[in-house]
Amino acid sequence: MKENEKLQQLLSRIAEEHFLICEEIITYAEKTLGTKLSEHVHVTLTDHVSFAIERIEDGIYLQNKLLNEIKILYPKEFSIGLWALERIKEKIHVTLPIDEAAFIALHLHTMKL
């Protein structure tokens, strides 16, 4: 029961537009990668993207020190991350740094079935 309450609290603080854009990203990722992603990606990716948007709006920038390694190790996932940044910019009018493409790539890679 406590886990459900925590999940409800988490979901209640995330803007609906963040859910919608993440569903678009997940659908695009599954199609591009040719595989299904774990159901957990809906929560983890949405939480990450929502918090990243909030951080940028607050002027907080997190550097991804593994950016170059992620580009090399997971090129498909990274390209999806870049696509996601463009969609976020188009739909939500927030420009996330390239580091976020790498963070998104890791979410996608770890959630592949």
PDB file of N, CA and C in Angstrom:
ATOM      1  N   MET A   1       0.817  -1.199   0.000  1.00  0.00           N
ATOM      2  CA  MET A   1       0.000   0.000   0.000  1.00  0.00           C
ATOM      3  C   MET A   1       0.858   1.261   0.000  1.00  0.00           C
ATOM      4  N   LYS A   2       1.953   1.252   0.766  1.00  0.00           N
ATOM      5  CA  LYS A   2       2.816   2.429   0.826  1.00  0.00           C
ATOM      6  C   LYS A   2       3.446   2.741  -0.524  1.00  0.00           C
ATOM      7  N   GLU A   3       3.813   1.700  -1.276  1.00  0.00           N
ATOM      8  CA  GLU A   3       4.405   1.928  -2.591  1.00  0.00           C
ATOM      9  C   GLU A   3       3.400   2.576  -3.532  1.00  0.00           C
ATOM     10  N   ASN A   4       2.129   2.154  -3.446  1.00  0.00           N
ATOM     11  CA  ASN A   4       1.094   2.768  -4.277  1.00  0.00           C
ATOM     12  C   ASN A   4       0.887   4.235  -3.910  1.00  0.00           C
ATOM     13  N   GLU A   5       0.959   4.537  -2.619  1.00  0.00           N
ATOM     14  CA  GLU A   5       0.817   5.926  -2.176  1.00  0.00           C
ATOM     15  C   GLU A   5       1.978   6.766  -2.685  1.00  0.00           C
ATOM     16  N   LYS A   6       3.185   6.235  -2.624  1.00  0.00           N
ATOM     17  CA  LYS A   6       4.361   6.959  -3.120  1.00  0.00           C
ATOM     18  C   LYS A   6       4.248   7.188  -4.619  1.00  0.00           C
ATOM     19  N   LEU A   7       3.787   6.183  -5.347  1.00  0.00           N
ATOM     20  CA  LEU A   7       3.612   6.315  -6.782  1.00  0.00           C
ATOM     21  C   LEU A   7       2.563   7.380  -7.095  1.00  0.00           C
ATOM     22  N   GLN A   8       1.471   7.382  -6.353  1.00  0.00           N
ATOM     23  CA  GLN A   8       0.424   8.386  -6.555  1.00  0.00           C
ATOM     24  C   GLN A   8       0.958   9.795  -6.299  1.00  0.00           C
ATOM     25  N   GLN A   9       1.773   9.959  -5.251  1.00  0.00           N
ATOM     26  CA  GLN A   9       2.370  11.264  -4.957  1.00  0.00           C
ATOM     27  C   GLN A   9       3.277  11.708  -6.100  1.00  0.00           C
ATOM     28  N   LEU A  10       4.073  10.786  -6.591  1.00  0.00           N
ATOM     29  CA  LEU A  10       4.982  11.078  -7.697  1.00  0.00           C
ATOM     30  C   LEU A  10       4.193  11.509  -8.926  1.00  0.00           C
ATOM     31  N   LEU A  11       3.187  10.726  -9.272  1.00  0.00           N
ATOM     32  CA  LEU A  11       2.415  11.002 -10.478  1.00  0.00           C
ATOM     33  C   LEU A  11       1.616  12.299 -10.365  1.00  0.00           C
ATOM     34  N   SER A  12       1.182  12.642  -9.168  1.00  0.00           N
ATOM     35  CA  SER A  12       0.367  13.848  -8.999  1.00  0.00           C
ATOM     36  C   SER A  12       1.179  15.126  -9.174  1.00  0.00           C
ATOM     37  N   ARG A  13       2.486  15.056  -9.040  1.00  0.00           N
ATOM     38  CA  ARG A  13       3.313  16.266  -9.168  1.00  0.00           C
ATOM     39  C   ARG A  13       3.832  16.481 -10.594  1.00  0.00           C
ATOM     40  N   ILE A  14       3.560  15.540 -11.500  1.00  0.00           N
ATOM     41  CA  ILE A  14       4.053  15.638 -12.869  1.00  0.00           C
ATOM     42  C   ILE A  14       2.966  16.233 -13.767  1.00  0.00           C
ATOM     43  N   ALA A  15       3.357  17.237 -14.531  1.00  0.00           N
ATOM     44  CA  ALA A  15       2.420  17.905 -15.439  1.00  0.00           C
ATOM     45  C   ALA A  15       1.942  16.940 -16.521  1.00  0.00           C
ATOM     46  N   GLU A  16       0.685  17.085 -16.902  1.00  0.00           N
ATOM     47  CA  GLU A  16       0.099  16.212 -17.924  1.00  0.00           C
ATOM     48  C   GLU A  16       0.873  16.277 -19.239  1.00  0.00           C
ATOM     49  N   GLU A  17       1.336  17.470 -19.612  1.00  0.00           N
ATOM     50  CA  GLU A  17       2.076  17.597 -20.867  1.00  0.00           C
ATOM     51  C   GLU A  17       3.391  16.812 -20.830  1.00  0.00           C
ATOM     52  N   HIS A  18       3.952  16.617 -19.645  1.00  0.00           N
ATOM     53  CA  HIS A  18       5.171  15.818 -19.519  1.00  0.00           C
ATOM     54  C   HIS A  18       4.860  14.339 -19.754  1.00  0.00           C
ATOM     55  N   PHE A  19       3.716  13.884 -19.258  1.00  0.00           N
ATOM     56  CA  PHE A  19       3.282  12.505 -19.528  1.00  0.00           C
ATOM     57  C   PHE A  19       3.083  12.298 -21.029  1.00  0.00           C
ATOM     58  N   LEU A  20       2.414  13.238 -21.649  1.00  0.00           N
ATOM     59  CA  LEU A  20       2.095  13.103 -23.069  1.00  0.00           C
ATOM     60  C   LEU A  20       3.351  13.061 -23.929  1.00  0.00           C
ATOM     61  N   ILE A  21       4.301  13.949 -23.666  1.00  0.00           N
ATOM     62  CA  ILE A  21       5.524  13.957 -24.467  1.00  0.00           C
ATOM     63  C   ILE A  21       6.332  12.691 -24.233  1.00  0.00           C
ATOM     64  N   CYS A  22       6.328  12.181 -23.016  1.00  0.00           N
ATOM     65  CA  CYS A  22       7.079  10.948 -22.736  1.00  0.00           C
ATOM     66  C   CYS A  22       6.434   9.743 -23.397  1.00  0.00           C
ATOM     67  N   GLU A  23       5.128   9.721 -23.484  1.00  0.00           N
ATOM     68  CA  GLU A  23       4.460   8.637 -24.199  1.00  0.00           C
ATOM     69  C   GLU A  23       4.847   8.668 -25.676  1.00  0.00           C
ATOM     70  N   GLU A  24       4.967   9.868 -26.224  1.00  0.00           N
ATOM     71  CA  GLU A  24       5.415  10.015 -27.607  1.00  0.00           C
ATOM     72  C   GLU A  24       6.841   9.484 -27.771  1.00  0.00           C
ATOM     73  N   ILE A  25       7.706   9.841 -26.826  1.00  0.00           N
ATOM     74  CA  ILE A  25       9.101   9.399 -26.873  1.00  0.00           C
ATOM     75  C   ILE A  25       9.179   7.877 -26.781  1.00  0.00           C
ATOM     76  N   ILE A  26       8.418   7.291 -25.879  1.00  0.00           N
ATOM     77  CA  ILE A  26       8.440   5.837 -25.686  1.00  0.00           C
ATOM     78  C   ILE A  26       7.944   5.126 -26.947  1.00  0.00           C
ATOM     79  N   THR A  27       6.861   5.611 -27.524  1.00  0.00           N
ATOM     80  CA  THR A  27       6.330   5.017 -28.745  1.00  0.00           C
ATOM     81  C   THR A  27       7.356   5.099 -29.873  1.00  0.00           C
ATOM     82  N   TYR A  28       7.961   6.264 -30.028  1.00  0.00           N
ATOM     83  CA  TYR A  28       8.987   6.455 -31.055  1.00  0.00           C
ATOM     84  C   TYR A  28      10.181   5.528 -30.797  1.00  0.00           C
ATOM     85  N   ALA A  29      10.590   5.416 -29.542  1.00  0.00           N
ATOM     86  CA  ALA A  29      11.737   4.567 -29.189  1.00  0.00           C
ATOM     87  C   ALA A  29      11.455   3.098 -29.497  1.00  0.00           C
ATOM     88  N   GLU A  30      10.278   2.614 -29.138  1.00  0.00           N
ATOM     89  CA  GLU A  30       9.945   1.215 -29.412  1.00  0.00           C
ATOM     90  C   GLU A  30       9.931   0.936 -30.911  1.00  0.00           C
ATOM     91  N   LYS A  31       9.387   1.861 -31.669  1.00  0.00           N
ATOM     92  CA  LYS A  31       9.345   1.695 -33.120  1.00  0.00           C
ATOM     93  C   LYS A  31      10.762   1.722 -33.703  1.00  0.00           C
ATOM     94  N   THR A  32      11.565   2.680 -33.282  1.00  0.00           N
ATOM     95  CA  THR A  32      12.911   2.846 -33.808  1.00  0.00           C
ATOM     96  C   THR A  32      13.828   1.695 -33.416  1.00  0.00           C
ATOM     97  N   LEU A  33      13.709   1.240 -32.169  1.00  0.00           N
ATOM     98  CA  LEU A  33      14.562   0.155 -31.679  1.00  0.00           C
ATOM     99  C   LEU A  33      14.041  -1.220 -32.093  1.00  0.00           C
ATOM    100  N   GLY A  34      12.788  -1.280 -32.493  1.00  0.00           N
ATOM    101  CA  GLY A  34      12.202  -2.556 -32.884  1.00  0.00           C
ATOM    102  C   GLY A  34      12.021  -3.512 -31.725  1.00  0.00           C
ATOM    103  N   THR A  35      11.766  -2.952 -30.546  1.00  0.00           N
ATOM    104  CA  THR A  35      11.569  -3.780 -29.361  1.00  0.00           C
ATOM    105  C   THR A  35      10.635  -3.075 -28.385  1.00  0.00           C
ATOM    106  N   LYS A  36      10.034  -3.847 -27.521  1.00  0.00           N
ATOM    107  CA  LYS A  36       9.203  -3.287 -26.465  1.00  0.00           C
ATOM    108  C   LYS A  36      10.110  -2.850 -25.326  1.00  0.00           C
ATOM    109  N   LEU A  37       9.651  -1.869 -24.584  1.00  0.00           N
ATOM    110  CA  LEU A  37      10.351  -1.416 -23.388  1.00  0.00           C
ATOM    111  C   LEU A  37       9.546  -1.844 -22.171  1.00  0.00           C
ATOM    112  N   SER A  38      10.224  -2.014 -21.072  1.00  0.00           N
ATOM    113  CA  SER A  38       9.563  -2.376 -19.820  1.00  0.00           C
ATOM    114  C   SER A  38       8.494  -1.341 -19.474  1.00  0.00           C
ATOM    115  N   GLU A  39       7.437  -1.795 -18.859  1.00  0.00           N
ATOM    116  CA  GLU A  39       6.370  -0.886 -18.421  1.00  0.00           C
ATOM    117  C   GLU A  39       6.896   0.172 -17.446  1.00  0.00           C
ATOM    118  N   HIS A  40       7.973  -0.132 -16.751  1.00  0.00           N
ATOM    119  CA  HIS A  40       8.544   0.798 -15.776  1.00  0.00           C
ATOM    120  C   HIS A  40       9.057   2.080 -16.436  1.00  0.00           C
ATOM    121  N   VAL A  41       9.366   2.015 -17.729  1.00  0.00           N
ATOM    122  CA  VAL A  41       9.892   3.187 -18.420  1.00  0.00           C
ATOM    123  C   VAL A  41       8.893   4.340 -18.402  1.00  0.00           C
ATOM    124  N   HIS A  42       7.615   4.030 -18.334  1.00  0.00           N
ATOM    125  CA  HIS A  42       6.600   5.077 -18.323  1.00  0.00           C
ATOM    126  C   HIS A  42       6.746   5.961 -17.084  1.00  0.00           C
ATOM    127  N   VAL A  43       7.088   5.363 -15.963  1.00  0.00           N
ATOM    128  CA  VAL A  43       7.275   6.131 -14.730  1.00  0.00           C
ATOM    129  C   VAL A  43       8.673   6.731 -14.671  1.00  0.00           C
ATOM    130  N   THR A  44       9.697   5.926 -14.925  1.00  0.00           N
ATOM    131  CA  THR A  44      11.068   6.407 -14.740  1.00  0.00           C
ATOM    132  C   THR A  44      11.434   7.508 -15.732  1.00  0.00           C
ATOM    133  N   LEU A  45      11.091   7.312 -16.994  1.00  0.00           N
ATOM    134  CA  LEU A  45      11.431   8.323 -17.989  1.00  0.00           C
ATOM    135  C   LEU A  45      10.624   9.602 -17.766  1.00  0.00           C
ATOM    136  N   THR A  46       9.351   9.458 -17.475  1.00  0.00           N
ATOM    137  CA  THR A  46       8.510  10.633 -17.253  1.00  0.00           C
ATOM    138  C   THR A  46       8.986  11.414 -16.039  1.00  0.00           C
ATOM    139  N   ASP A  47       9.331  10.715 -14.974  1.00  0.00           N
ATOM    140  CA  ASP A  47       9.855  11.393 -13.787  1.00  0.00           C
ATOM    141  C   ASP A  47      11.146  12.133 -14.123  1.00  0.00           C
ATOM    142  N   HIS A  48      12.035  11.468 -14.847  1.00  0.00           N
ATOM    143  CA  HIS A  48      13.311  12.095 -15.192  1.00  0.00           C
ATOM    144  C   HIS A  48      13.104  13.326 -16.073  1.00  0.00           C
ATOM    145  N   VAL A  49      12.327  13.191 -17.136  1.00  0.00           N
ATOM    146  CA  VAL A  49      12.117  14.296 -18.066  1.00  0.00           C
ATOM    147  C   VAL A  49      11.424  15.463 -17.364  1.00  0.00           C
ATOM    148  N   SER A  50      10.430  15.159 -16.562  1.00  0.00           N
ATOM    149  CA  SER A  50       9.714  16.209 -15.851  1.00  0.00           C
ATOM    150  C   SER A  50      10.659  16.980 -14.928  1.00  0.00           C
ATOM    151  N   PHE A  51      11.488  16.247 -14.193  1.00  0.00           N
ATOM    152  CA  PHE A  51      12.430  16.896 -13.282  1.00  0.00           C
ATOM    153  C   PHE A  51      13.487  17.678 -14.063  1.00  0.00           C
ATOM    154  N   ALA A  52      13.924  17.159 -15.206  1.00  0.00           N
ATOM    155  CA  ALA A  52      14.905  17.862 -16.040  1.00  0.00           C
ATOM    156  C   ALA A  52      14.330  19.189 -16.532  1.00  0.00           C
ATOM    157  N   ILE A  53      13.071  19.171 -16.935  1.00  0.00           N
ATOM    158  CA  ILE A  53      12.416  20.400 -17.389  1.00  0.00           C
ATOM    159  C   ILE A  53      12.339  21.402 -16.239  1.00  0.00           C
ATOM    160  N   GLU A  54      11.955  20.939 -15.064  1.00  0.00           N
ATOM    161  CA  GLU A  54      11.888  21.822 -13.894  1.00  0.00           C
ATOM    162  C   GLU A  54      13.255  22.408 -13.567  1.00  0.00           C
ATOM    163  N   ARG A  55      14.293  21.571 -13.629  1.00  0.00           N
ATOM    164  CA  ARG A  55      15.651  22.050 -13.324  1.00  0.00           C
ATOM    165  C   ARG A  55      16.060  23.160 -14.284  1.00  0.00           C
ATOM    166  N   ILE A  56      15.846  22.933 -15.581  1.00  0.00           N
ATOM    167  CA  ILE A  56      16.231  23.929 -16.583  1.00  0.00           C
ATOM    168  C   ILE A  56      15.449  25.225 -16.368  1.00  0.00           C
ATOM    169  N   GLU A  57      14.168  25.107 -16.086  1.00  0.00           N
ATOM    170  CA  GLU A  57      13.358  26.299 -15.827  1.00  0.00           C
ATOM    171  C   GLU A  57      13.852  27.059 -14.601  1.00  0.00           C
ATOM    172  N   ASP A  58      14.472  26.335 -13.662  1.00  0.00           N
ATOM    173  CA  ASP A  58      15.035  26.955 -12.455  1.00  0.00           C
ATOM    174  C   ASP A  58      16.493  27.364 -12.644  1.00  0.00           C
ATOM    175  N   GLY A  59      17.030  27.157 -13.840  1.00  0.00           N
ATOM    176  CA  GLY A  59      18.405  27.559 -14.117  1.00  0.00           C
ATOM    177  C   GLY A  59      19.462  26.593 -13.596  1.00  0.00           C
ATOM    178  N   ILE A  60      19.062  25.360 -13.351  1.00  0.00           N
ATOM    179  CA  ILE A  60      19.999  24.350 -12.837  1.00  0.00           C
ATOM    180  C   ILE A  60      20.389  23.424 -13.980  1.00  0.00           C
ATOM    181  N   TYR A  61      21.688  23.274 -14.187  1.00  0.00           N
ATOM    182  CA  TYR A  61      22.212  22.465 -15.280  1.00  0.00           C
ATOM    183  C   TYR A  61      23.028  21.315 -14.710  1.00  0.00           C
ATOM    184  N   LEU A  62      22.705  20.078 -15.111  1.00  0.00           N
ATOM    185  CA  LEU A  62      23.477  18.907 -14.692  1.00  0.00           C
ATOM    186  C   LEU A  62      24.261  18.378 -15.882  1.00  0.00           C
ATOM    187  N   GLN A  63      25.553  18.273 -15.703  1.00  0.00           N
ATOM    188  CA  GLN A  63      26.403  17.739 -16.760  1.00  0.00           C
ATOM    189  C   GLN A  63      26.406  16.217 -16.681  1.00  0.00           C
ATOM    190  N   ASN A  64      26.327  15.585 -17.835  1.00  0.00           N
ATOM    191  CA  ASN A  64      26.417  14.130 -17.903  1.00  0.00           C
ATOM    192  C   ASN A  64      27.854  13.793 -18.279  1.00  0.00           C
ATOM    193  N   LYS A  65      28.611  13.338 -17.301  1.00  0.00           N
ATOM    194  CA  LYS A  65      30.031  13.072 -17.525  1.00  0.00           C
ATOM    195  C   LYS A  65      30.278  11.865 -18.421  1.00  0.00           C
ATOM    196  N   LEU A  66      29.229  11.102 -18.697  1.00  0.00           N
ATOM    197  CA  LEU A  66      29.352   9.941 -19.578  1.00  0.00           C
ATOM    198  C   LEU A  66      28.801  10.214 -20.976  1.00  0.00           C
ATOM    199  N   LEU A  67      28.571  11.478 -21.292  1.00  0.00           N
ATOM    200  CA  LEU A  67      27.964  11.850 -22.564  1.00  0.00           C
ATOM    201  C   LEU A  67      28.670  11.199 -23.751  1.00  0.00           C
ATOM    202  N   ASN A  68      29.962  11.346 -23.855  1.00  0.00           N
ATOM    203  CA  ASN A  68      30.685  10.804 -25.008  1.00  0.00           C
ATOM    204  C   ASN A  68      30.647   9.284 -25.054  1.00  0.00           C
ATOM    205  N   GLU A  69      30.732   8.641 -23.900  1.00  0.00           N
ATOM    206  CA  GLU A  69      30.676   7.184 -23.858  1.00  0.00           C
ATOM    207  C   GLU A  69      29.302   6.673 -24.272  1.00  0.00           C
ATOM    208  N   ILE A  70      28.258   7.348 -23.821  1.00  0.00           N
ATOM    209  CA  ILE A  70      26.893   6.949 -24.166  1.00  0.00           C
ATOM    210  C   ILE A  70      26.657   7.103 -25.666  1.00  0.00           C
ATOM    211  N   LYS A  71      27.165   8.176 -26.258  1.00  0.00           N
ATOM    212  CA  LYS A  71      27.053   8.377 -27.710  1.00  0.00           C
ATOM    213  C   LYS A  71      27.649   7.195 -28.470  1.00  0.00           C
ATOM    214  N   ILE A  72      28.796   6.714 -27.987  1.00  0.00           N
ATOM    215  CA  ILE A  72      29.502   5.629 -28.670  1.00  0.00           C
ATOM    216  C   ILE A  72      28.856   4.273 -28.394  1.00  0.00           C
ATOM    217  N   LEU A  73      28.520   4.008 -27.136  1.00  0.00           N
ATOM    218  CA  LEU A  73      27.996   2.696 -26.755  1.00  0.00           C
ATOM    219  C   LEU A  73      26.552   2.466 -27.188  1.00  0.00           C
ATOM    220  N   TYR A  74      25.753   3.506 -27.186  1.00  0.00           N
ATOM    221  CA  TYR A  74      24.323   3.365 -27.464  1.00  0.00           C
ATOM    222  C   TYR A  74      23.874   4.389 -28.520  1.00  0.00           C
ATOM    223  N   PRO A  75      24.395   4.279 -29.733  1.00  0.00           N
ATOM    224  CA  PRO A  75      24.097   5.305 -30.745  1.00  0.00           C
ATOM    225  C   PRO A  75      22.613   5.415 -31.113  1.00  0.00           C
ATOM    226  N   LYS A  76      21.906   4.291 -31.181  1.00  0.00           N
ATOM    227  CA  LYS A  76      20.471   4.354 -31.517  1.00  0.00           C
ATOM    228  C   LYS A  76      19.685   5.056 -30.415  1.00  0.00           C
ATOM    229  N   GLU A  77      19.970   4.648 -29.184  1.00  0.00           N
ATOM    230  CA  GLU A  77      19.272   5.250 -28.050  1.00  0.00           C
ATOM    231  C   GLU A  77      19.596   6.737 -27.947  1.00  0.00           C
ATOM    232  N   PHE A  78      20.867   7.085 -28.218  1.00  0.00           N
ATOM    233  CA  PHE A  78      21.263   8.484 -28.153  1.00  0.00           C
ATOM    234  C   PHE A  78      20.552   9.296 -29.236  1.00  0.00           C
ATOM    235  N   SER A  79      20.428   8.739 -30.427  1.00  0.00           N
ATOM    236  CA  SER A  79      19.718   9.464 -31.491  1.00  0.00           C
ATOM    237  C   SER A  79      18.250   9.671 -31.119  1.00  0.00           C
ATOM    238  N   ILE A  80      17.670   8.713 -30.426  1.00  0.00           N
ATOM    239  CA  ILE A  80      16.296   8.869 -29.943  1.00  0.00           C
ATOM    240  C   ILE A  80      16.253   9.972 -28.888  1.00  0.00           C
ATOM    241  N   GLY A  81      17.274  10.014 -28.044  1.00  0.00           N
ATOM    242  CA  GLY A  81      17.372  11.087 -27.047  1.00  0.00           C
ATOM    243  C   GLY A  81      17.425  12.457 -27.702  1.00  0.00           C
ATOM    244  N   LEU A  82      18.189  12.578 -28.783  1.00  0.00           N
ATOM    245  CA  LEU A  82      18.250  13.847 -29.523  1.00  0.00           C
ATOM    246  C   LEU A  82      16.892  14.192 -30.118  1.00  0.00           C
ATOM    247  N   TRP A  83      16.220  13.170 -30.674  1.00  0.00           N
ATOM    248  CA  TRP A  83      14.883  13.372 -31.213  1.00  0.00           C
ATOM    249  C   TRP A  83      13.946  13.860 -30.106  1.00  0.00           C
ATOM    250  N   ALA A  84      14.075  13.253 -28.921  1.00  0.00           N
ATOM    251  CA  ALA A  84      13.229  13.628 -27.779  1.00  0.00           C
ATOM    252  C   ALA A  84      13.447  15.084 -27.388  1.00  0.00           C
ATOM    253  N   LEU A  85      14.687  15.533 -27.406  1.00  0.00           N
ATOM    254  CA  LEU A  85      14.965  16.929 -27.056  1.00  0.00           C
ATOM    255  C   LEU A  85      14.276  17.885 -28.031  1.00  0.00           C
ATOM    256  N   GLU A  86      14.277  17.521 -29.308  1.00  0.00           N
ATOM    257  CA  GLU A  86      13.605  18.350 -30.308  1.00  0.00           C
ATOM    258  C   GLU A  86      12.095  18.379 -30.083  1.00  0.00           C
ATOM    259  N   ARG A  87      11.517  17.214 -29.766  1.00  0.00           N
ATOM    260  CA  ARG A  87      10.062  17.151 -29.511  1.00  0.00           C
ATOM    261  C   ARG A  87       9.695  17.964 -28.270  1.00  0.00           C
ATOM    262  N   ILE A  88      10.516  17.868 -27.242  1.00  0.00           N
ATOM    263  CA  ILE A  88      10.266  18.636 -26.015  1.00  0.00           C
ATOM    264  C   ILE A  88      10.320  20.135 -26.329  1.00  0.00           C
ATOM    265  N   LYS A  89      11.298  20.523 -27.124  1.00  0.00           N
ATOM    266  CA  LYS A  89      11.430  21.932 -27.516  1.00  0.00           C
ATOM    267  C   LYS A  89      10.211  22.387 -28.316  1.00  0.00           C
ATOM    268  N   GLU A  90       9.750  21.557 -29.255  1.00  0.00           N
ATOM    269  CA  GLU A  90       8.584  21.889 -30.080  1.00  0.00           C
ATOM    270  C   GLU A  90       7.299  21.961 -29.276  1.00  0.00           C
ATOM    271  N   LYS A  91       7.096  20.965 -28.415  1.00  0.00           N
ATOM    272  CA  LYS A  91       5.809  20.825 -27.714  1.00  0.00           C
ATOM    273  C   LYS A  91       5.729  21.636 -26.425  1.00  0.00           C
ATOM    274  N   ILE A  92       6.837  21.696 -25.685  1.00  0.00           N
ATOM    275  CA  ILE A  92       6.797  22.300 -24.351  1.00  0.00           C
ATOM    276  C   ILE A  92       7.557  23.626 -24.318  1.00  0.00           C
ATOM    277  N   HIS A  93       8.296  23.909 -25.377  1.00  0.00           N
ATOM    278  CA  HIS A  93       9.044  25.156 -25.499  1.00  0.00           C
ATOM    279  C   HIS A  93      10.127  25.306 -24.438  1.00  0.00           C
ATOM    280  N   VAL A  94      10.771  24.179 -24.149  1.00  0.00           N
ATOM    281  CA  VAL A  94      11.904  24.154 -23.222  1.00  0.00           C
ATOM    282  C   VAL A  94      13.066  23.491 -23.956  1.00  0.00           C
ATOM    283  N   THR A  95      14.214  24.147 -23.927  1.00  0.00           N
ATOM    284  CA  THR A  95      15.403  23.608 -24.572  1.00  0.00           C
ATOM    285  C   THR A  95      16.262  22.917 -23.528  1.00  0.00           C
ATOM    286  N   LEU A  96      16.323  21.597 -23.635  1.00  0.00           N
ATOM    287  CA  LEU A  96      17.161  20.819 -22.723  1.00  0.00           C
ATOM    288  C   LEU A  96      18.536  20.642 -23.353  1.00  0.00           C
ATOM    289  N   PRO A  97      19.579  20.581 -22.529  1.00  0.00           N
ATOM    290  CA  PRO A  97      20.929  20.403 -23.060  1.00  0.00           C
ATOM    291  C   PRO A  97      21.149  18.993 -23.597  1.00  0.00           C
ATOM    292  N   ILE A  98      22.168  18.842 -24.437  1.00  0.00           N
ATOM    293  CA  ILE A  98      22.487  17.563 -25.055  1.00  0.00           C
ATOM    294  C   ILE A  98      22.743  16.472 -24.005  1.00  0.00           C
ATOM    295  N   ASP A  99      23.175  16.880 -22.833  1.00  0.00           N
ATOM    296  CA  ASP A  99      23.404  15.908 -21.754  1.00  0.00           C
ATOM    297  C   ASP A  99      22.140  15.107 -21.467  1.00  0.00           C
ATOM    298  N   GLU A 100      20.990  15.735 -21.619  1.00  0.00           N
ATOM    299  CA  GLU A 100      19.731  15.046 -21.354  1.00  0.00           C
ATOM    300  C   GLU A 100      19.450  13.965 -22.391  1.00  0.00           C
ATOM    301  N   ALA A 101      19.938  14.147 -23.617  1.00  0.00           N
ATOM    302  CA  ALA A 101      19.783  13.094 -24.627  1.00  0.00           C
ATOM    303  C   ALA A 101      20.485  11.831 -24.159  1.00  0.00           C
ATOM    304  N   ALA A 102      21.637  11.994 -23.524  1.00  0.00           N
ATOM    305  CA  ALA A 102      22.378  10.836 -23.003  1.00  0.00           C
ATOM    306  C   ALA A 102      21.646  10.201 -21.824  1.00  0.00           C
ATOM    307  N   PHE A 103      21.077  11.014 -20.949  1.00  0.00           N
ATOM    308  CA  PHE A 103      20.309  10.460 -19.825  1.00  0.00           C
ATOM    309  C   PHE A 103      19.095   9.683 -20.354  1.00  0.00           C
ATOM    310  N   ILE A 104      18.413  10.237 -21.332  1.00  0.00           N
ATOM    311  CA  ILE A 104      17.265   9.554 -21.942  1.00  0.00           C
ATOM    312  C   ILE A 104      17.725   8.248 -22.579  1.00  0.00           C
ATOM    313  N   ALA A 105      18.852   8.284 -23.270  1.00  0.00           N
ATOM    314  CA  ALA A 105      19.397   7.073 -23.902  1.00  0.00           C
ATOM    315  C   ALA A 105      19.620   5.966 -22.873  1.00  0.00           C
ATOM    316  N   LEU A 106      20.139   6.318 -21.716  1.00  0.00           N
ATOM    317  CA  LEU A 106      20.353   5.305 -20.674  1.00  0.00           C
ATOM    318  C   LEU A 106      19.036   4.731 -20.175  1.00  0.00           C
ATOM    319  N   HIS A 107      18.048   5.582 -20.000  1.00  0.00           N
ATOM    320  CA  HIS A 107      16.717   5.081 -19.592  1.00  0.00           C
ATOM    321  C   HIS A 107      16.209   4.078 -20.608  1.00  0.00           C
ATOM    322  N   LEU A 108      16.323   4.409 -21.881  1.00  0.00           N
ATOM    323  CA  LEU A 108      15.824   3.524 -22.925  1.00  0.00           C
ATOM    324  C   LEU A 108      16.612   2.223 -22.974  1.00  0.00           C
ATOM    325  N   HIS A 109      17.920   2.320 -22.890  1.00  0.00           N
ATOM    326  CA  HIS A 109      18.761   1.116 -22.960  1.00  0.00           C
ATOM    327  C   HIS A 109      18.462   0.165 -21.811  1.00  0.00           C
ATOM    328  N   THR A 110      18.340   0.691 -20.616  1.00  0.00           N
ATOM    329  CA  THR A 110      18.120  -0.182 -19.454  1.00  0.00           C
ATOM    330  C   THR A 110      16.709  -0.755 -19.401  1.00  0.00           C
ATOM    331  N   MET A 111      15.795  -0.199 -20.161  1.00  0.00           N
ATOM    332  CA  MET A 111      14.408  -0.661 -20.123  1.00  0.00           C
ATOM    333  C   MET A 111      14.052  -1.582 -21.299  1.00  0.00           C
ATOM    334  N   LYS A 112      15.012  -1.893 -22.159  1.00  0.00           N
ATOM    335  CA  LYS A 112      14.722  -2.798 -23.275  1.00  0.00           C
ATOM    336  C   LYS A 112      14.426  -4.196 -22.754  1.00  0.00           C
ATOM    337  N   LEU A 113      13.433  -4.848 -23.369  1.00  0.00           N
ATOM    338  CA  LEU A 113      13.088  -6.213 -22.973  1.00  0.00           C
ATOM    339  C   LEU A 113      13.833  -7.206 -23.835  1.00  0.00           C
TER     340      LEU A 113
END
